[in-house]
C-alpha atoms as a PDB file:
ATOM      1  CA  MET A   1     -19.386 -32.196 -26.188  1.00  0.00           C
ATOM      2  CA  ARG A   2     -18.874 -28.470 -26.690  1.00  0.00           C
ATOM      3  CA  SER A   3     -15.278 -27.357 -27.114  1.00  0.00           C
ATOM      4  CA  ALA A   4     -13.310 -24.424 -25.742  1.00  0.00           C
ATOM      5  CA  ALA A   5      -9.878 -23.089 -26.654  1.00  0.00           C
ATOM      6  CA  VAL A   6      -7.963 -20.913 -24.202  1.00  0.00           C
ATOM      7  CA  VAL A   7      -4.887 -18.922 -25.209  1.00  0.00           C
ATOM      8  CA  GLY A   8      -2.532 -18.495 -22.264  1.00  0.00           C
ATOM      9  CA  ALA A   9      -1.760 -20.773 -19.299  1.00  0.00           C
ATOM     10  CA  GLY A  10      -1.319 -18.132 -16.615  1.00  0.00           C
ATOM     11  CA  VAL A  11      -3.640 -17.899 -13.649  1.00  0.00           C
ATOM     12  CA  PHE A  12      -6.462 -16.287 -15.677  1.00  0.00           C
ATOM     13  CA  GLY A  13      -6.195 -18.734 -18.557  1.00  0.00           C
ATOM     14  CA  LEU A  14      -5.964 -21.874 -16.420  1.00  0.00           C
ATOM     15  CA  SER A  15      -8.802 -20.646 -14.202  1.00  0.00           C
ATOM     16  CA  ALA A  16     -10.953 -20.034 -17.285  1.00  0.00           C
ATOM     17  CA  GLY A  17     -10.102 -23.471 -18.626  1.00  0.00           C
ATOM     18  CA  ARG A  18     -10.975 -25.108 -15.322  1.00  0.00           C
ATOM     19  CA  ALA A  19     -14.308 -23.284 -15.048  1.00  0.00           C
ATOM     20  CA  LEU A  20     -15.223 -24.116 -18.656  1.00  0.00           C
ATOM     21  CA  ALA A  21     -14.340 -27.764 -18.092  1.00  0.00           C
ATOM     22  CA  HIS A  22     -16.631 -27.821 -15.055  1.00  0.00           C
ATOM     23  CA  ALA A  23     -19.347 -26.315 -17.267  1.00  0.00           C
ATOM     24  CA  GLY A  24     -19.058 -29.294 -19.620  1.00  0.00           C
ATOM     25  CA  TYR A  25     -16.628 -28.070 -22.261  1.00  0.00           C
ATOM     26  CA  ASP A  26     -13.802 -30.087 -23.774  1.00  0.00           C
ATOM     27  CA  VAL A  27     -10.984 -27.589 -23.084  1.00  0.00           C
ATOM     28  CA  THR A  28      -7.622 -27.121 -24.754  1.00  0.00           C
ATOM     29  CA  VAL A  29      -5.206 -24.516 -23.392  1.00  0.00           C
ATOM     30  CA  PHE A  30      -2.521 -23.173 -25.711  1.00  0.00           C
ATOM     31  CA  GLU A  31       0.641 -21.854 -24.044  1.00  0.00           C
ATOM     32  CA  GLN A  32       3.590 -20.469 -25.995  1.00  0.00           C
ATOM     33  CA  PHE A  33       6.034 -21.486 -23.232  1.00  0.00           C
ATOM     34  CA  GLU A  34       4.983 -23.781 -20.378  1.00  0.00           C
ATOM     35  CA  VAL A  35       2.839 -23.627 -17.254  1.00  0.00           C
ATOM     36  CA  GLY A  36       4.645 -21.510 -14.669  1.00  0.00           C
ATOM     37  CA  THR A  37       7.079 -19.924 -17.119  1.00  0.00           C
ATOM     38  CA  ARG A  38       9.307 -17.252 -15.603  1.00  0.00           C
ATOM     39  CA  LEU A  39       8.862 -15.234 -18.816  1.00  0.00           C
ATOM     40  CA  ALA A  40       5.254 -14.311 -18.011  1.00  0.00           C
ATOM     41  CA  SER A  41       3.269 -12.975 -15.026  1.00  0.00           C
ATOM     42  CA  SER A  42       1.963 -15.877 -12.931  1.00  0.00           C
ATOM     43  CA  SER A  43       5.121 -17.643 -11.803  1.00  0.00           C
ATOM     44  CA  GLY A  44       6.671 -17.636  -8.349  1.00  0.00           C
ATOM     45  CA  GLY A  45       6.192 -19.214  -4.968  1.00  0.00           C
ATOM     46  CA  SER A  46       3.682 -16.730  -3.574  1.00  0.00           C
ATOM     47  CA  ARG A  47       1.192 -13.944  -4.264  1.00  0.00           C
ATOM     48  CA  ILE A  48      -0.778 -11.757  -1.863  1.00  0.00           C
ATOM     49  CA  PHE A  49      -4.500 -12.241  -1.483  1.00  0.00           C
ATOM     50  CA  ARG A  50      -6.533  -9.656   0.426  1.00  0.00           C
ATOM     51  CA  LEU A  51      -9.982  -8.225   0.954  1.00  0.00           C
ATOM     52  CA  SER A  52      -8.562  -4.735   1.423  1.00  0.00           C
ATOM     53  CA  HIS A  53      -9.048  -2.381  -1.539  1.00  0.00           C
ATOM     54  CA  ASP A  54      -9.896   1.282  -1.814  1.00  0.00           C
ATOM     55  CA  GLU A  55     -13.156   0.691  -3.737  1.00  0.00           C
ATOM     56  CA  VAL A  56     -16.120  -1.179  -2.306  1.00  0.00           C
ATOM     57  CA  GLU A  57     -16.654  -2.998  -5.607  1.00  0.00           C
ATOM     58  CA  ASP A  58     -13.209  -4.541  -5.356  1.00  0.00           C
ATOM     59  CA  VAL A  59     -13.750  -5.531  -1.723  1.00  0.00           C
ATOM     60  CA  ARG A  60     -16.926  -7.350  -2.707  1.00  0.00           C
ATOM     61  CA  LEU A  61     -15.167  -9.151  -5.550  1.00  0.00           C
ATOM     62  CA  ALA A  62     -12.232  -9.995  -3.288  1.00  0.00           C
ATOM     63  CA  ARG A  63     -14.630 -11.717  -0.898  1.00  0.00           C
ATOM     64  CA  LEU A  64     -15.911 -13.832  -3.794  1.00  0.00           C
ATOM     65  CA  ALA A  65     -12.322 -14.475  -4.892  1.00  0.00           C
ATOM     66  CA  ILE A  66     -11.341 -15.962  -1.534  1.00  0.00           C
ATOM     67  CA  ASP A  67     -14.348 -18.268  -1.707  1.00  0.00           C
ATOM     68  CA  ALA A  68     -13.313 -19.258  -5.238  1.00  0.00           C
ATOM     69  CA  TRP A  69      -9.788 -20.161  -4.098  1.00  0.00           C
ATOM     70  CA  LEU A  70     -11.174 -22.205  -1.204  1.00  0.00           C
ATOM     71  CA  SER A  71     -13.278 -24.167  -3.680  1.00  0.00           C
ATOM     72  CA  VAL A  72     -10.158 -24.942  -5.714  1.00  0.00           C
ATOM     73  CA  ASP A  73      -8.025 -26.069  -2.753  1.00  0.00           C
ATOM     74  CA  PRO A  74      -7.990 -24.562   0.764  1.00  0.00           C
ATOM     75  CA  ASP A  75      -4.371 -25.641   1.213  1.00  0.00           C
ATOM     76  CA  LEU A  76      -3.301 -23.093  -1.409  1.00  0.00           C
ATOM     77  CA  LEU A  77      -4.023 -20.200   0.980  1.00  0.00           C
ATOM     78  CA  ILE A  78      -2.008 -19.108   4.003  1.00  0.00           C
ATOM     79  CA  PHE A  79      -4.100 -16.861   6.250  1.00  0.00           C
ATOM     80  CA  ASN A  80      -1.507 -14.719   8.010  1.00  0.00           C
ATOM     81  CA  GLY A  81      -3.172 -11.309   7.605  1.00  0.00           C
ATOM     82  CA  LEU A  82      -2.207  -7.972   6.102  1.00  0.00           C
ATOM     83  CA  LEU A  83      -0.726  -4.776   7.560  1.00  0.00           C
ATOM     84  CA  GLU A  84      -1.158  -1.517   5.602  1.00  0.00           C
ATOM     85  CA  TRP A  85      -0.029   2.025   6.226  1.00  0.00           C
ATOM     86  CA  GLY A  86       0.511   5.262   4.337  1.00  0.00           C
ATOM     87  CA  ASP A  87      -1.690   7.670   2.431  1.00  0.00           C
ATOM     88  CA  GLY A  88      -3.946   5.063   0.806  1.00  0.00           C
ATOM     89  CA  ALA A  89      -4.621   2.935   3.865  1.00  0.00           C
ATOM     90  CA  GLN A  90      -7.495   5.107   5.116  1.00  0.00           C
ATOM     91  CA  ALA A  91      -9.461   4.623   1.883  1.00  0.00           C
ATOM     92  CA  CYS A  92      -8.994   0.853   2.219  1.00  0.00           C
ATOM     93  CA  GLY A  93     -10.262   0.980   5.787  1.00  0.00           C
ATOM     94  CA  ASP A  94     -13.277   3.010   4.684  1.00  0.00           C
ATOM     95  CA  ALA A  95     -14.130   0.508   1.943  1.00  0.00           C
ATOM     96  CA  LEU A  96     -13.763  -2.442   4.329  1.00  0.00           C
ATOM     97  CA  ARG A  97     -16.066  -0.728   6.814  1.00  0.00           C
ATOM     98  CA  ALA A  98     -18.648   0.009   4.118  1.00  0.00           C
ATOM     99  CA  CYS A  99     -18.682  -3.693   3.209  1.00  0.00           C
ATOM    100  CA  GLY A 100     -18.887  -4.847   6.817  1.00  0.00           C
ATOM    101  CA  GLU A 101     -15.533  -6.644   6.642  1.00  0.00           C
ATOM    102  CA  THR A 102     -13.444  -7.232   9.752  1.00  0.00           C
ATOM    103  CA  HIS A 103     -10.529  -4.826  10.220  1.00  0.00           C
ATOM    104  CA  GLU A 104      -8.956  -2.647  12.879  1.00  0.00           C
ATOM    105  CA  TRP A 105      -6.465   0.154  13.271  1.00  0.00           C
ATOM    106  CA  LEU A 106      -3.435  -0.762  15.348  1.00  0.00           C
ATOM    107  CA  GLU A 107      -1.140   1.578  17.197  1.00  0.00           C
ATOM    108  CA  PRO A 108       2.525   1.193  16.138  1.00  0.00           C
ATOM    109  CA  ALA A 109       3.443  -0.885  19.191  1.00  0.00           C
ATOM    110  CA  ASP A 110       0.532  -3.263  18.584  1.00  0.00           C
ATOM    111  CA  ALA A 111       1.408  -3.592  14.902  1.00  0.00           C
ATOM    112  CA  ALA A 112       4.984  -4.426  15.871  1.00  0.00           C
ATOM    113  CA  GLN A 113       3.707  -7.323  17.953  1.00  0.00           C
ATOM    114  CA  ARG A 114       2.373  -8.878  14.758  1.00  0.00           C
ATOM    115  CA  PHE A 115       5.589  -8.143  12.820  1.00  0.00           C
ATOM    116  CA  PRO A 116       8.434  -7.707  15.355  1.00  0.00           C
ATOM    117  CA  GLU A 117      11.077  -7.286  12.641  1.00  0.00           C
ATOM    118  CA  ALA A 118       9.316  -4.160  11.351  1.00  0.00           C
ATOM    119  CA  ARG A 119       9.177  -0.576  12.610  1.00  0.00           C
ATOM    120  CA  PHE A 120       5.971   1.461  12.490  1.00  0.00           C
ATOM    121  CA  ASP A 121       5.592   5.151  13.274  1.00  0.00           C
ATOM    122  CA  ALA A 122       1.858   5.686  12.618  1.00  0.00           C
ATOM    123  CA  PRO A 123      -1.405   3.731  12.971  1.00  0.00           C
ATOM    124  CA  VAL A 124      -1.540   0.596  10.828  1.00  0.00           C
ATOM    125  CA  LEU A 125      -4.575  -1.046   9.204  1.00  0.00           C
ATOM    126  CA  TRP A 126      -4.893  -4.721  10.114  1.00  0.00           C
ATOM    127  CA  GLN A 127      -7.027  -7.093   8.040  1.00  0.00           C
ATOM    128  CA  PRO A 128      -6.989 -10.735   9.147  1.00  0.00           C
ATOM    129  CA  GLU A 129      -8.604 -12.314   6.056  1.00  0.00           C
ATOM    130  CA  ALA A 130      -5.536 -11.919   3.911  1.00  0.00           C
ATOM    131  CA  GLY A 131      -2.251 -13.629   3.326  1.00  0.00           C
ATOM    132  CA  VAL A 132      -0.551 -15.644   0.634  1.00  0.00           C
ATOM    133  CA  VAL A 133      -1.526 -17.836  -2.307  1.00  0.00           C
ATOM    134  CA  ARG A 134       1.034 -20.556  -3.041  1.00  0.00           C
ATOM    135  CA  ALA A 135       1.323 -19.416  -6.652  1.00  0.00           C
ATOM    136  CA  ASP A 136       3.318 -22.128  -8.440  1.00  0.00           C
ATOM    137  CA  ARG A 137       1.390 -24.826  -6.608  1.00  0.00           C
ATOM    138  CA  ALA A 138      -1.857 -23.059  -7.526  1.00  0.00           C
ATOM    139  CA  LEU A 139      -1.004 -23.109 -11.237  1.00  0.00           C
ATOM    140  CA  ARG A 140      -0.382 -26.839 -11.123  1.00  0.00           C
ATOM    141  CA  ARG A 141      -3.632 -27.366  -9.247  1.00  0.00           C
ATOM    142  CA  LEU A 142      -5.617 -25.257 -11.717  1.00  0.00           C
ATOM    143  CA  ALA A 143      -4.087 -27.070 -14.682  1.00  0.00           C
ATOM    144  CA  GLY A 144      -5.336 -30.331 -13.167  1.00  0.00           C
ATOM    145  CA  ARG A 145      -6.600 -32.539 -15.951  1.00  0.00           C
ATOM    146  CA  LEU A 146      -6.738 -29.812 -18.566  1.00  0.00           C
ATOM    147  CA  GLU A 147      -5.093 -30.497 -21.896  1.00  0.00           C
ATOM    148  CA  VAL A 148      -2.322 -27.909 -22.070  1.00  0.00           C
ATOM    149  CA  ARG A 149      -0.420 -27.667 -25.340  1.00  0.00           C
ATOM    150  CA  ALA A 150       2.870 -26.108 -24.284  1.00  0.00           C
ATOM    151  CA  GLY A 151       5.225 -24.501 -26.782  1.00  0.00           C
ATOM    152  CA  VAL A 152       2.368 -23.501 -29.101  1.00  0.00           C
ATOM    153  CA  ARG A 153       2.095 -19.826 -30.013  1.00  0.00           C
ATOM    154  CA  VAL A 154      -1.306 -18.710 -31.291  1.00  0.00           C
ATOM    155  CA  ASP A 155      -1.269 -15.701 -33.591  1.00  0.00           C
ATOM    156  CA  ASP A 156      -4.920 -15.731 -34.666  1.00  0.00           C
ATOM    157  CA  PRO A 157      -7.314 -17.036 -31.995  1.00  0.00           C
ATOM    158  CA  ARG A 158     -10.243 -16.674 -34.360  1.00  0.00           C
ATOM    159  CA  ALA A 159      -8.748 -19.476 -36.461  1.00  0.00           C
ATOM    160  CA  LEU A 160      -9.046 -21.921 -33.568  1.00  0.00           C
ATOM    161  CA  GLU A 161     -11.780 -24.487 -34.091  1.00  0.00           C
ATOM    162  CA  ALA A 162     -13.802 -24.315 -30.900  1.00  0.00           C
ATOM    163  CA  ASP A 163     -17.268 -23.318 -29.754  1.00  0.00           C
ATOM    164  CA  VAL A 164     -15.756 -20.867 -27.258  1.00  0.00           C
ATOM    165  CA  VAL A 165     -12.415 -19.089 -27.640  1.00  0.00           C
ATOM    166  CA  VAL A 166     -10.789 -17.263 -24.745  1.00  0.00           C
ATOM    167  CA  VAL A 167      -7.678 -15.101 -24.895  1.00  0.00           C
ATOM    168  CA  ALA A 168      -5.966 -14.662 -21.528  1.00  0.00           C
ATOM    169  CA  ALA A 169      -2.494 -13.924 -22.831  1.00  0.00           C
ATOM    170  CA  GLY A 170      -1.228 -11.701 -20.009  1.00  0.00           C
ATOM    171  CA  PRO A 171       1.416  -9.229 -21.228  1.00  0.00           C
ATOM    172  CA  TRP A 172       0.808 -10.438 -24.799  1.00  0.00           C
ATOM    173  CA  LEU A 173      -2.888  -9.510 -24.770  1.00  0.00           C
ATOM    174  CA  SER A 174      -2.187  -6.397 -26.839  1.00  0.00           C
ATOM    175  CA  ARG A 175      -1.316  -8.685 -29.781  1.00  0.00           C
ATOM    176  CA  PHE A 176      -5.002  -9.542 -30.005  1.00  0.00           C
ATOM    177  CA  LEU A 177      -6.732  -6.461 -28.669  1.00  0.00           C
ATOM    178  CA  ASP A 178      -6.767  -2.846 -29.849  1.00  0.00           C
ATOM    179  CA  PHE A 179      -6.520  -1.359 -26.386  1.00  0.00           C
ATOM    180  CA  PRO A 180      -3.704   0.594 -24.695  1.00  0.00           C
ATOM    181  CA  LEU A 181      -1.998  -1.971 -22.470  1.00  0.00           C
ATOM    182  CA  ALA A 182       1.387  -1.429 -20.840  1.00  0.00           C
ATOM    183  CA  PRO A 183       3.416  -4.506 -19.840  1.00  0.00           C
ATOM    184  CA  CYS A 184       5.875  -3.543 -17.094  1.00  0.00           C
ATOM    185  CA  PHE A 185       8.812  -5.251 -15.407  1.00  0.00           C
ATOM    186  CA  GLU A 186       9.479  -5.084 -11.675  1.00  0.00           C
ATOM    187  CA  GLU A 187      12.181  -6.499  -9.442  1.00  0.00           C
ATOM    188  CA  VAL A 188      11.595  -8.352  -6.182  1.00  0.00           C
ATOM    189  CA  ALA A 189      14.082  -9.450  -3.531  1.00  0.00           C
ATOM    190  CA  TYR A 190      13.915 -12.202  -0.919  1.00  0.00           C
ATOM    191  CA  PHE A 191      15.306 -11.965   2.616  1.00  0.00           C
ATOM    192  CA  ALA A 192      16.171 -14.654   5.134  1.00  0.00           C
ATOM    193  CA  GLY A 193      15.340 -15.016   8.796  1.00  0.00           C
ATOM    194  CA  VAL A 194      11.676 -13.965   8.749  1.00  0.00           C
ATOM    195  CA  PRO A 195       9.269 -16.505  10.307  1.00  0.00           C
ATOM    196  CA  GLU A 196       6.710 -17.805   7.840  1.00  0.00           C
ATOM    197  CA  ASP A 197       3.800 -16.711  10.022  1.00  0.00           C
ATOM    198  CA  ARG A 198       4.536 -13.016   9.458  1.00  0.00           C
ATOM    199  CA  PRO A 199       1.752 -11.054   7.720  1.00  0.00           C
ATOM    200  CA  SER A 200       1.838  -9.567   4.263  1.00  0.00           C
ATOM    201  CA  ILE A 201       2.386  -5.804   4.071  1.00  0.00           C
ATOM    202  CA  ARG A 202       1.418  -2.892   1.828  1.00  0.00           C
ATOM    203  CA  GLN A 203       2.993   0.525   2.131  1.00  0.00           C
ATOM    204  CA  HIS A 204       0.988   3.204   0.346  1.00  0.00           C
ATOM    205  CA  GLY A 205       2.132   6.609  -0.793  1.00  0.00           C
ATOM    206  CA  GLY A 206       5.111   7.998  -2.650  1.00  0.00           C
ATOM    207  CA  ARG A 207       7.202   4.935  -1.864  1.00  0.00           C
ATOM    208  CA  SER A 208       4.671   2.192  -2.443  1.00  0.00           C
ATOM    209  CA  ALA A 209       5.852  -1.277  -1.515  1.00  0.00           C
ATOM    210  CA  TYR A 210       4.571  -4.731  -0.708  1.00  0.00           C
ATOM    211  CA  GLY A 211       5.872  -7.816   1.037  1.00  0.00           C
ATOM    212  CA  LEU A 212       4.848 -11.397   1.747  1.00  0.00           C
ATOM    213  CA  VAL A 213       6.208 -14.703   2.893  1.00  0.00           C
ATOM    214  CA  THR A 214       7.306 -17.242   0.296  1.00  0.00           C
ATOM    215  CA  PRO A 215       7.366 -20.625   2.035  1.00  0.00           C
ATOM    216  CA  GLY A 216      10.711 -22.333   1.764  1.00  0.00           C
ATOM    217  CA  VAL A 217      12.405 -19.295   0.228  1.00  0.00           C
ATOM    218  CA  GLY A 218      12.178 -16.153   2.366  1.00  0.00           C
ATOM    219  CA  TYR A 219      10.278 -12.911   2.787  1.00  0.00           C
ATOM    220  CA  LYS A 220       9.611 -11.266  -0.605  1.00  0.00           C
ATOM    221  CA  LEU A 221       9.709  -7.467  -0.840  1.00  0.00           C
ATOM    222  CA  ALA A 222       9.352  -5.038  -3.730  1.00  0.00           C
ATOM    223  CA  VAL A 223       9.124  -1.287  -4.198  1.00  0.00           C
ATOM    224  CA  ASP A 224       6.820  -0.231  -7.010  1.00  0.00           C
ATOM    225  CA  SER A 225       9.003   0.988  -9.835  1.00  0.00           C
ATOM    226  CA  PRO A 226       8.184   3.695 -12.386  1.00  0.00           C
ATOM    227  CA  ASP A 227       5.842   2.384 -15.039  1.00  0.00           C
ATOM    228  CA  GLU A 228       8.201   1.695 -17.938  1.00  0.00           C
ATOM    229  CA  ARG A 229       6.776  -0.244 -20.869  1.00  0.00           C
ATOM    230  CA  PHE A 230       8.472  -3.607 -21.382  1.00  0.00           C
ATOM    231  CA  ASP A 231       8.412  -5.754 -24.518  1.00  0.00           C
ATOM    232  CA  PRO A 232       7.285  -9.213 -23.325  1.00  0.00           C
ATOM    233  CA  ASP A 233       8.850 -10.825 -26.395  1.00  0.00           C
ATOM    234  CA  ARG A 234      12.250  -9.725 -25.129  1.00  0.00           C
ATOM    235  CA  PRO A 235      13.796 -12.913 -23.695  1.00  0.00           C
ATOM    236  CA  GLU A 236      16.055 -11.130 -21.208  1.00  0.00           C
ATOM    237  CA  ARG A 237      14.729 -10.380 -17.736  1.00  0.00           C
ATOM    238  CA  GLU A 238      17.684  -8.477 -16.323  1.00  0.00           C
ATOM    239  CA  VAL A 239      17.329  -7.448 -12.701  1.00  0.00           C
ATOM    240  CA  ARG A 240      18.234  -3.767 -12.333  1.00  0.00           C
ATOM    241  CA  SER A 241      20.582  -3.154  -9.440  1.00  0.00           C
ATOM    242  CA  ALA A 242      19.088   0.302  -8.813  1.00  0.00           C
ATOM    243  CA  GLN A 243      15.691  -1.247  -8.106  1.00  0.00           C
ATOM    244  CA  ILE A 244      17.150  -3.848  -5.766  1.00  0.00           C
ATOM    245  CA  ASP A 245      19.042  -1.072  -3.967  1.00  0.00           C
ATOM    246  CA  GLU A 246      15.696   0.653  -3.415  1.00  0.00           C
ATOM    247  CA  VAL A 247      14.284  -2.511  -1.844  1.00  0.00           C
ATOM    248  CA  VAL A 248      17.351  -2.783   0.402  1.00  0.00           C
ATOM    249  CA  ARG A 249      16.806   0.817   1.526  1.00  0.00           C
ATOM    250  CA  LEU A 250      13.232  -0.076   2.393  1.00  0.00           C
ATOM    251  CA  VAL A 251      14.467  -2.963   4.532  1.00  0.00           C
ATOM    252  CA  ARG A 252      16.992  -0.775   6.339  1.00  0.00           C
ATOM    253  CA  ASP A 253      14.386   1.940   6.998  1.00  0.00           C
ATOM    254  CA  ARG A 254      11.276  -0.097   7.781  1.00  0.00           C
ATOM    255  CA  PHE A 255      12.486  -3.583   8.775  1.00  0.00           C
ATOM    256  CA  PRO A 256      15.468  -3.206  11.115  1.00  0.00           C
ATOM    257  CA  GLY A 257      15.031  -6.796  12.267  1.00  0.00           C
ATOM    258  CA  ILE A 258      15.675  -8.241   8.801  1.00  0.00           C
ATOM    259  CA  ASP A 259      19.146  -8.851   7.391  1.00  0.00           C
ATOM    260  CA  PRO A 260      19.215  -6.356   4.475  1.00  0.00           C
ATOM    261  CA  ARG A 261      21.299  -8.628   2.246  1.00  0.00           C
ATOM    262  CA  PRO A 262      18.993 -10.278  -0.344  1.00  0.00           C
ATOM    263  CA  ILE A 263      19.314 -14.024  -0.668  1.00  0.00           C
ATOM    264  CA  HIS A 264      17.665 -14.024  -4.093  1.00  0.00           C
ATOM    265  CA  THR A 265      16.418 -11.500  -6.651  1.00  0.00           C
ATOM    266  CA  GLU A 266      14.212 -11.842  -9.691  1.00  0.00           C
ATOM    267  CA  GLY A 267      11.860  -9.902 -11.936  1.00  0.00           C
ATOM    268  CA  CYS A 268       8.247 -10.295 -12.893  1.00  0.00           C
ATOM    269  CA  LEU A 269       5.912  -8.899 -15.516  1.00  0.00           C
ATOM    270  CA  TYR A 270       2.560  -7.258 -14.985  1.00  0.00           C
ATOM    271  CA  THR A 271       0.207  -5.469 -17.368  1.00  0.00           C
ATOM    272  CA  LEU A 272      -1.333  -2.076 -16.699  1.00  0.00           C
ATOM    273  CA  THR A 273      -4.586  -0.790 -18.135  1.00  0.00           C
ATOM    274  CA  PRO A 274      -5.154   2.992 -18.379  1.00  0.00           C
ATOM    275  CA  ASP A 275      -7.734   2.996 -15.573  1.00  0.00           C
ATOM    276  CA  GLY A 276      -6.245   0.254 -13.400  1.00  0.00           C
ATOM    277  CA  ARG A 277      -9.162  -2.109 -13.978  1.00  0.00           C
ATOM    278  CA  PHE A 278      -9.250  -5.616 -15.403  1.00  0.00           C
ATOM    279  CA  ILE A 279     -10.490  -6.525 -18.853  1.00  0.00           C
ATOM    280  CA  LEU A 280     -13.318  -9.012 -19.274  1.00  0.00           C
ATOM    281  CA  ASP A 281     -15.394  -8.774 -22.428  1.00  0.00           C
ATOM    282  CA  GLU A 282     -16.323 -10.413 -25.705  1.00  0.00           C
ATOM    283  CA  VAL A 283     -14.739  -8.935 -28.811  1.00  0.00           C
ATOM    284  CA  ASP A 284     -15.612 -10.243 -32.280  1.00  0.00           C
ATOM    285  CA  GLY A 285     -16.727 -13.566 -30.849  1.00  0.00           C
ATOM    286  CA  VAL A 286     -13.658 -14.022 -28.631  1.00  0.00           C
ATOM    287  CA  ILE A 287     -13.704 -13.626 -24.843  1.00  0.00           C
ATOM    288  CA  VAL A 288     -10.755 -11.531 -23.650  1.00  0.00           C
ATOM    289  CA  CYS A 289      -9.571 -11.570 -20.051  1.00  0.00           C
ATOM    290  CA  GLY A 290      -6.544  -9.744 -18.673  1.00  0.00           C
ATOM    291  CA  GLY A 291      -5.029  -6.485 -17.530  1.00  0.00           C
ATOM    292  CA  ASP A 292      -3.858  -7.797 -14.162  1.00  0.00           C
ATOM    293  CA  ASN A 293      -2.464  -4.391 -13.044  1.00  0.00           C
ATOM    294  CA  GLY A 294      -0.042  -6.178 -10.753  1.00  0.00           C
ATOM    295  CA  HIS A 295      -2.662  -7.690  -8.451  1.00  0.00           C
ATOM    296  CA  GLY A 296      -4.691 -10.063 -10.588  1.00  0.00           C
ATOM    297  CA  PHE A 297      -3.466 -13.402  -9.260  1.00  0.00           C
ATOM    298  CA  LYS A 298      -5.727 -13.372  -6.214  1.00  0.00           C
ATOM    299  CA  PHE A 299      -8.759 -12.997  -8.501  1.00  0.00           C
ATOM    300  CA  GLY A 300      -7.760 -15.898 -10.799  1.00  0.00           C
ATOM    301  CA  PRO A 301     -10.438 -18.543 -10.100  1.00  0.00           C
ATOM    302  CA  LEU A 302     -13.120 -15.864  -9.810  1.00  0.00           C
ATOM    303  CA  MET A 303     -12.213 -14.367 -13.189  1.00  0.00           C
ATOM    304  CA  GLY A 304     -12.197 -17.867 -14.627  1.00  0.00           C
ATOM    305  CA  GLN A 305     -15.743 -18.394 -13.390  1.00  0.00           C
ATOM    306  CA  PHE A 306     -16.769 -15.071 -14.903  1.00  0.00           C
ATOM    307  CA  VAL A 307     -15.344 -16.227 -18.251  1.00  0.00           C
ATOM    308  CA  ALA A 308     -17.459 -19.379 -18.079  1.00  0.00           C
ATOM    309  CA  ASP A 309     -20.522 -17.338 -17.109  1.00  0.00           C
ATOM    310  CA  LEU A 310     -19.938 -15.043 -20.081  1.00  0.00           C
ATOM    311  CA  ALA A 311     -19.595 -18.030 -22.393  1.00  0.00           C
ATOM    312  CA  GLU A 312     -22.825 -19.533 -21.062  1.00  0.00           C
ATOM    313  CA  GLY A 313     -24.753 -16.265 -21.190  1.00  0.00           C
ATOM    314  CA  ARG A 314     -25.210 -16.153 -17.428  1.00  0.00           C
ATOM    315  CA  PRO A 315     -25.444 -12.756 -15.706  1.00  0.00           C
ATOM    316  CA  LEU A 316     -22.304 -11.392 -14.098  1.00  0.00           C
ATOM    317  CA  PRO A 317     -22.129  -9.408 -10.848  1.00  0.00           C
ATOM    318  CA  PRO A 318     -22.688  -5.666 -11.399  1.00  0.00           C
ATOM    319  CA  GLU A 319     -19.145  -4.985 -10.142  1.00  0.00           C
ATOM    320  CA  THR A 320     -17.769  -6.535 -13.345  1.00  0.00           C
ATOM    321  CA  ALA A 321     -19.414  -3.960 -15.609  1.00  0.00           C
ATOM    322  CA  ARG A 322     -16.269  -1.833 -15.105  1.00  0.00           C
ATOM    323  CA  PHE A 323     -14.234  -4.528 -16.869  1.00  0.00           C
ATOM    324  CA  ARG A 324     -16.092  -4.207 -20.162  1.00  0.00           C
ATOM    325  CA  LEU A 325     -14.316  -2.272 -22.904  1.00  0.00           C
ATOM    326  CA  ALA A 326     -17.213   0.025 -23.801  1.00  0.00           C
ATOM    327  CA  GLY A 327     -16.353   3.574 -22.848  1.00  0.00           C
ATOM    328  CA  ARG A 328     -12.750   2.668 -22.136  1.00  0.00           C
ATOM    329  CA  LEU A 329     -11.503   2.412 -25.705  1.00  0.00           C
ATOM    330  CA  PRO A 330      -9.260   5.252 -26.943  1.00  0.00           C
ATOM    331  CA  ASN A 331     -10.802   7.846 -29.227  1.00  0.00           C
END
């Protein structure tokens, strides 16, 4: 049997391992911590999935991504829709229309019927094929019967004895790749009293924010913070009170029906690329996959399938050409 070694047990790494196993490989996943570690990028009770993006290529891939999640386990997805407003919402609506995807613009009063705890003062984009991935449960499901060697840090993936080697190391990808990546840290807060059927939200513009239900915990909200580089090897994940205060202000301004006192706060890591696009390529015989840009979780099983396709020499969709490193490397 052919063998495959995957570095990193986040959503990209586990998805790649699962897809390679289905392709007939004997897969070993190496994880320096453990599956679902709070020190990396894939942990937590929930992540948003959505078709809505401002580029038609991403809408098309998002459609494939939903299908990929359904093939893993339909129970991992909660279809409760997405409400978007602000300067970037129009571009998302245009891209959805160009792809023939269902969406509509709601007047503020109609939007409030879908989220009574919120206040809207302009038309809102509604997209029903969106909602929440049960993230921690999804990681366990993806790990399945894979051999995961937890507590093993790989410094040289090229020394691994396998027919296919994949590096999906999240914020640590820059250890293996000469490419300008920026791991960032962002705070999120959870609020009580919001029914679990409420939709996810995205607020575009100068005060970008997102929110989503986390079953059994509360409604999760975050305001995008300034992009400050964070060392992922730093063990501390201190929650900055100033960032939580910003989330509380968002609740007071936009969600008058929610108690503005957080019931829980935490931080998470994400990894920015210079152009905001993922990385999927082969470098010196190693397949690299990463650069989540804060919204990669929903594409996990799809990216994993692309990794397996790359390993097998199968053609990839033309939308993935943007993820190759050629032309994106610094001078």
